[in-house]
Protein backbone atom coordinates (compact mmCIF):
# COMPACT_ATOMS: atom_id res chain seq x y z
CA UNK A 1 -13.13 0.32 65.08
CA UNK A 2 -10.39 3.19 64.69
CA UNK A 3 -11.65 4.80 61.44
CA UNK A 4 -12.53 7.61 63.36
CA UNK A 5 -9.40 9.31 63.51
CA UNK A 6 -9.19 12.85 61.11
CA UNK A 7 -6.20 11.23 59.38
CA UNK A 8 -8.24 8.66 58.19
CA UNK A 9 -11.14 10.62 57.09
CA UNK A 10 -9.04 12.85 55.21
CA UNK A 11 -6.92 9.67 53.52
CA UNK A 12 -10.74 8.47 52.30
CA UNK A 13 -11.99 11.82 51.14
CA UNK A 14 -8.14 12.11 49.37
CA UNK A 15 -8.53 8.92 47.59
CA UNK A 16 -12.04 9.41 46.22
CA UNK A 17 -10.72 12.98 45.42
CA UNK A 18 -7.62 11.21 43.23
CA UNK A 19 -10.22 8.60 41.84
CA UNK A 20 -12.37 11.38 40.21
CA UNK A 21 -9.34 13.22 38.55
CA UNK A 22 -7.62 9.37 37.66
CA UNK A 23 -9.81 7.09 36.71
CA UNK A 24 -9.24 3.47 38.46
CA UNK A 25 -7.74 5.10 41.56
CA UNK A 26 -8.04 3.79 45.39
CA UNK A 27 -11.51 5.07 46.03
CA UNK A 28 -13.27 1.69 44.85
CA UNK A 29 -10.12 0.01 46.80
CA UNK A 30 -10.10 1.73 50.14
CA UNK A 31 -13.99 1.12 50.10
CA UNK A 32 -13.39 -2.45 49.42
CA UNK A 33 -11.04 -3.25 52.07
CA UNK A 34 -12.50 -0.90 54.79
CA UNK A 35 -14.31 -2.98 57.47
CA UNK A 36 -18.07 -2.70 58.59
CA UNK A 37 -17.66 -2.21 61.83
CA UNK A 38 -21.14 -3.96 62.83
CA UNK A 39 -19.60 -7.09 61.42
CA UNK A 40 -16.64 -6.95 62.77
CA UNK A 41 -17.91 -6.29 66.60
CA UNK A 42 -20.75 -9.59 65.58
CA UNK A 43 -17.78 -11.70 65.06
CA UNK A 44 -15.96 -10.34 68.06
CA UNK A 45 -18.97 -11.53 70.27
CA UNK A 46 -19.33 -14.45 68.60
CA UNK A 47 -16.13 -15.79 69.59
CA UNK A 48 -16.99 -14.84 73.54
CA UNK A 49 -17.40 -18.81 75.15
CA UNK A 50 -14.47 -20.16 72.69
CA UNK A 51 -11.59 -22.35 73.99
CA UNK A 52 -8.78 -21.12 71.96
CA UNK A 53 -6.21 -23.71 70.27
CA UNK A 54 -2.47 -23.72 70.90
CA UNK A 55 -0.50 -21.04 68.99
CA UNK A 56 3.08 -20.44 68.89
CA UNK A 57 4.75 -16.87 68.73
CA UNK A 58 8.29 -15.22 69.04
CA UNK A 59 8.45 -12.91 72.15
CA UNK A 60 10.77 -9.85 72.02
CA UNK A 61 14.23 -11.22 73.21
CA UNK A 62 13.64 -14.23 70.53
CA UNK A 63 12.88 -17.16 72.24
CA UNK A 64 9.40 -19.34 71.41
CA UNK A 65 6.37 -19.09 73.83
CA UNK A 66 2.82 -21.17 73.24
CA UNK A 67 -0.34 -19.70 74.04
CA UNK A 68 -1.10 -22.84 76.51
CA UNK A 69 1.93 -21.59 78.42
CA UNK A 70 -0.36 -19.12 79.86
CA UNK A 71 -2.87 -21.56 81.41
CA UNK A 72 -3.36 -21.33 84.62
CA UNK A 73 -4.30 -17.98 85.34
CA UNK A 74 -6.69 -15.31 83.76
CA UNK A 75 -5.20 -13.51 80.11
CA UNK A 76 -5.36 -10.15 78.88
CA UNK A 77 -4.46 -9.97 75.16
CA UNK A 78 -4.72 -7.24 72.63
CA UNK A 79 -3.63 -6.71 69.15
CA UNK A 80 -1.48 -3.92 67.56
CA UNK A 81 0.33 -3.07 64.54
CA UNK A 82 3.78 -1.64 65.60
CA UNK A 83 3.44 1.07 62.87
CA UNK A 84 0.26 2.44 64.60
CA UNK A 85 0.11 6.32 65.46
CA UNK A 86 -3.68 6.90 66.37
CA UNK A 87 -5.64 4.04 67.89
CA UNK A 88 -2.87 1.22 68.69
CA UNK A 89 -0.59 4.01 71.51
CA UNK A 90 -3.54 5.41 73.49
CA UNK A 91 -5.29 1.95 73.30
CA UNK A 92 -1.93 0.62 74.95
CA UNK A 93 -1.06 2.93 77.19
CA UNK A 94 -5.27 2.70 78.82
CA UNK A 95 -4.54 -0.83 78.71
CA UNK A 96 -1.03 -0.17 81.18
CA UNK A 97 -3.46 1.88 83.37
CA UNK A 98 -5.67 -1.10 83.64
CA UNK A 99 -2.93 -3.50 84.91
CA UNK A 100 -1.57 -1.49 87.42
CA UNK A 101 -5.30 -1.32 89.07
CA UNK A 102 -5.71 -4.95 88.56
CA UNK A 103 -2.87 -5.41 90.00
CA UNK A 104 -3.41 -3.47 93.21
CA UNK A 105 -6.52 -5.08 93.46
CA UNK A 106 -6.11 -9.00 92.52
CA UNK A 107 -2.26 -9.29 92.59
CA UNK A 108 0.74 -8.77 90.72
CA UNK A 109 0.93 -12.09 89.75
CA UNK A 110 -2.02 -13.13 89.61
CA UNK A 111 -3.08 -12.86 85.59
CA UNK A 112 -0.51 -12.38 82.47
CA UNK A 113 -1.19 -10.06 79.51
CA UNK A 114 -0.03 -10.53 75.90
CA UNK A 115 0.11 -8.00 73.02
CA UNK A 116 0.13 -9.69 69.65
CA UNK A 117 1.43 -7.50 66.64
CA UNK A 118 -0.26 -8.82 63.39
CA UNK A 119 1.29 -6.69 60.84
CA UNK A 120 3.78 -9.57 59.19
CA UNK A 121 6.65 -9.32 58.78
CA UNK A 122 7.09 -5.60 59.89
CA UNK A 123 6.31 -6.17 63.28
CA UNK A 124 9.03 -8.56 64.10
CA UNK A 125 10.27 -9.11 67.90
CA UNK A 126 12.47 -6.38 67.66
CA UNK A 127 9.81 -3.80 66.27
CA UNK A 128 7.74 -5.07 69.00
CA UNK A 129 10.63 -4.32 71.53
CA UNK A 130 10.74 -1.25 70.44
CA UNK A 131 7.27 -0.13 70.70
CA UNK A 132 7.49 -2.13 74.50
CA UNK A 133 10.00 0.66 75.11
CA UNK A 134 8.28 3.50 73.50
CA UNK A 135 5.61 3.37 76.64
CA UNK A 136 8.15 2.32 79.02
CA UNK A 137 6.46 -1.18 79.83
CA UNK A 138 8.62 -3.28 81.42
CA UNK A 139 6.13 -5.72 83.16
CA UNK A 140 7.07 -8.85 84.21
CA UNK A 141 3.70 -10.83 83.14
CA UNK A 142 3.03 -8.14 80.36
CA UNK A 143 4.76 -10.02 76.93
CA UNK A 144 4.95 -8.93 73.50
CA UNK A 145 4.57 -11.73 71.02
CA UNK A 146 5.26 -11.80 67.25
CA UNK A 147 2.86 -14.76 65.99
CA UNK A 148 3.87 -16.76 62.73
CA UNK A 149 1.95 -15.85 59.56
CA UNK A 150 1.33 -19.30 58.92
CA UNK A 151 -1.10 -19.26 61.79
CA UNK A 152 -2.00 -15.58 61.86
CA UNK A 153 -5.19 -15.72 60.30
CA UNK A 154 -6.85 -18.39 62.32
CA UNK A 155 -5.43 -17.26 65.62
CA UNK A 156 -7.16 -13.58 64.28
CA UNK A 157 -10.35 -15.35 63.52
CA UNK A 158 -10.29 -17.72 66.63
CA UNK A 159 -10.23 -14.13 68.53
CA UNK A 160 -12.77 -12.63 66.69
CA UNK A 161 -9.87 -9.87 65.78
CA UNK A 162 -10.74 -8.47 62.13
CA UNK A 163 -8.38 -5.82 60.45
CA UNK A 164 -8.15 -5.15 56.52
CA UNK A 165 -5.17 -2.93 55.39
CA UNK A 166 -5.35 0.42 53.85
CA UNK A 167 -3.19 3.16 51.95
CA UNK A 168 -2.97 5.16 55.76
CA UNK A 169 -2.36 1.05 57.64
CA UNK A 170 -4.71 -0.81 59.14
CA UNK A 171 -8.60 -0.26 59.80
CA UNK A 172 -9.01 -2.90 63.12
CA UNK A 173 -11.32 -3.36 65.43
CA UNK A 174 -9.91 -1.90 68.82
CA UNK A 175 -10.55 -4.65 71.49
CA UNK A 176 -9.06 -6.25 74.66
CA UNK A 177 -9.84 -10.11 75.09
CA UNK A 178 -10.29 -11.50 78.80
CA UNK A 179 -9.20 -15.35 78.82
CA UNK A 180 -10.69 -17.50 81.48
CA UNK A 181 -7.66 -19.93 83.33
CA UNK A 182 -8.35 -22.74 80.58
CA UNK A 183 -7.62 -20.52 77.60
CA UNK A 184 -11.67 -19.83 77.08
CA UNK A 185 -12.56 -16.20 76.28
CA UNK A 186 -14.88 -14.52 78.90
CA UNK A 187 -14.82 -11.11 77.91
CA UNK A 188 -14.58 -8.91 75.28
CA UNK A 189 -13.88 -4.97 76.27
CA UNK A 190 -13.83 -2.49 73.10
CA UNK A 191 -12.45 0.85 72.13
CA UNK A 192 -9.27 3.23 73.22
CA UNK A 193 -11.10 5.14 76.10
CA UNK A 194 -13.20 2.26 78.40
CA UNK A 195 -13.52 2.21 81.79
CA UNK A 196 -10.95 0.60 83.58
CA UNK A 197 -13.21 -1.41 85.41
CA UNK A 198 -14.55 -3.49 82.38
CA UNK A 199 -11.30 -5.16 82.83
CA UNK A 200 -10.47 -4.94 86.51
CA UNK A 201 -13.99 -6.67 87.18
CA UNK A 202 -13.90 -9.82 85.04
CA UNK A 203 -10.25 -9.87 86.56
CA UNK A 204 -11.69 -10.40 90.09
CA UNK A 205 -14.43 -13.03 88.92
CA UNK A 206 -12.49 -15.17 87.43
CA UNK A 207 -9.60 -15.22 89.74
CA UNK A 208 -12.21 -14.98 92.97
CA UNK A 209 -14.58 -17.27 91.59
CA UNK A 210 -17.95 -15.12 92.60
CA UNK A 211 -19.42 -11.50 91.04
CA UNK A 212 -17.66 -8.80 92.29
CA UNK A 213 -18.93 -6.62 95.14
CA UNK A 214 -19.61 -3.68 95.05
CA UNK A 215 -17.73 -2.17 98.13
CA UNK A 216 -17.51 2.15 97.50
CA UNK A 217 -19.94 4.25 96.76
CA UNK A 218 -17.66 5.36 93.90
CA UNK A 219 -17.64 1.78 92.61
CA UNK A 220 -21.41 1.74 92.81
CA UNK A 221 -21.44 4.66 90.48
CA UNK A 222 -19.28 3.39 88.19
CA UNK A 223 -20.93 0.31 88.07
CA UNK A 224 -24.22 1.46 86.80
CA UNK A 225 -22.48 4.07 84.30
CA UNK A 226 -20.96 0.71 82.86
CA UNK A 227 -24.22 -1.07 82.94
CA UNK A 228 -25.91 2.54 81.12
CA UNK A 229 -23.56 2.63 78.13
CA UNK A 230 -23.05 0.59 75.05
CA UNK A 231 -20.19 -0.04 72.94
CA UNK A 232 -20.73 1.62 69.70
CA UNK A 233 -18.12 0.40 66.65
CA UNK A 234 -18.86 3.04 64.31
CA UNK A 235 -17.20 5.56 66.76
CA UNK A 236 -15.05 3.14 68.88
CA UNK A 237 -16.48 4.42 72.13
CA UNK A 238 -19.23 3.62 74.83
CA UNK A 239 -21.85 5.50 74.28
CA UNK A 240 -25.22 6.40 76.91
CA UNK A 241 -28.06 3.55 75.85
CA UNK A 242 -31.00 5.71 74.98
CA UNK A 243 -33.62 2.92 75.75
CA UNK A 244 -32.04 3.20 79.41
CA UNK A 245 -34.04 6.45 79.46
CA UNK A 246 -37.74 4.99 78.36
CA UNK A 247 -36.58 2.37 80.86
CA UNK A 248 -35.88 4.58 84.25
CA UNK A 249 -38.87 7.03 83.00
CA UNK A 250 -41.46 4.10 82.86
CA UNK A 251 -39.99 2.63 86.22
CA UNK A 252 -40.46 5.88 87.98
CA UNK A 253 -43.96 6.06 86.21
CA UNK A 254 -44.93 3.05 87.55
CA UNK A 255 -43.47 3.21 90.81
CA UNK A 256 -45.02 7.04 91.23
CA UNK A 257 -48.30 5.23 90.22
CA UNK A 258 -47.96 2.04 92.48
CA UNK A 259 -47.39 4.68 95.27
CA UNK A 260 -50.36 6.69 94.67
CA UNK A 261 -52.70 4.01 94.48
CA UNK A 262 -51.48 2.46 98.10
CA UNK A 263 -51.82 6.26 99.47
CA UNK A 264 -54.81 6.78 97.90
CA UNK A 265 -56.35 3.37 99.21
CA UNK A 266 -55.20 4.01 102.77
CA UNK A 267 -56.66 7.76 102.49
CA UNK A 268 -59.95 5.92 101.71
CA UNK A 269 -59.90 3.95 104.08
CA UNK A 270 -59.01 6.21 107.02
CA UNK A 271 -61.95 8.47 105.72
CA UNK A 272 -64.21 5.54 105.54
CA UNK A 273 -63.15 4.37 108.73
CA UNK A 274 -63.84 7.79 110.48
CA UNK A 275 -67.27 8.16 108.83
CA UNK A 276 -68.42 4.97 110.18
CA UNK A 277 -67.17 6.35 113.77
CA UNK A 278 -69.03 9.46 113.24
CA UNK A 279 -72.15 8.29 112.54
CA UNK A 280 -72.31 6.02 115.25
CA UNK A 281 -70.99 8.27 117.68
CA UNK A 282 -74.43 10.65 115.89
CA UNK A 283 -76.74 7.49 116.03
CA UNK A 284 -75.82 7.25 120.39
CA UNK A 285 -76.67 11.02 120.69
CA UNK A 286 -79.94 10.61 118.88
CA UNK A 287 -80.78 7.88 120.95
CA UNK A 288 -80.99 9.26 124.31
CA UNK A 289 -82.20 5.96 126.00
CA UNK A 290 -79.02 4.30 125.16
């Protein structure tokens, strides 16, 4: 979600203060239109595994394209609105970095990318073209598209993408959707500060058809970090799983207990064997006739 930006928090406070001074002002409306982060995350997660219908778009050069045109290769899809000044720009920049990394790992022509504007009619082909130009994006397999208004609601619903208008723009979930070669949602990646490997790994899995092996210590550390984090829709960031601490402590405690028990049993048996040998020697010494 993009509700953590200071300007948005100030906007809410200002709207509520205004409502106190002028009854019927914007505070109640603001609270009614803002998304619930947990509900938005649930809708997004529920979309995983869904095979998407075919949708028509207009690209930034005014040509019509269809979602089905991009089947056959994995596809990354992000939603933005071109008037955004807070979350969409850093998310697009981070996506650009992830794409460059993925191209180096799996090849520049092995997957495709779509960025879709959801604020109609403002996110026109011209506006999407300007948005791409502002970020210096000129990647052949990365398209910036404008959907048709009649299909917009169903399109965003199918992707599990939630948004709501506010006085400052839009409150929306920040996600990049990974589609498989058949147009089925394979993974959702959230936030504007995620690990690049959250996108690279599923692309490798889809392209190579097998789980991604760990090739270096750095990759291993990054995988562990990913496993130990959980997306928090209320802060729009990945945070460390507090439950992991208890699990790790429990694992260490159980491992130490088992190790101590094994060590203690071996030590006791060695003592018992030593004592038996000593008793046998004393018995021979006490019996000179033997």
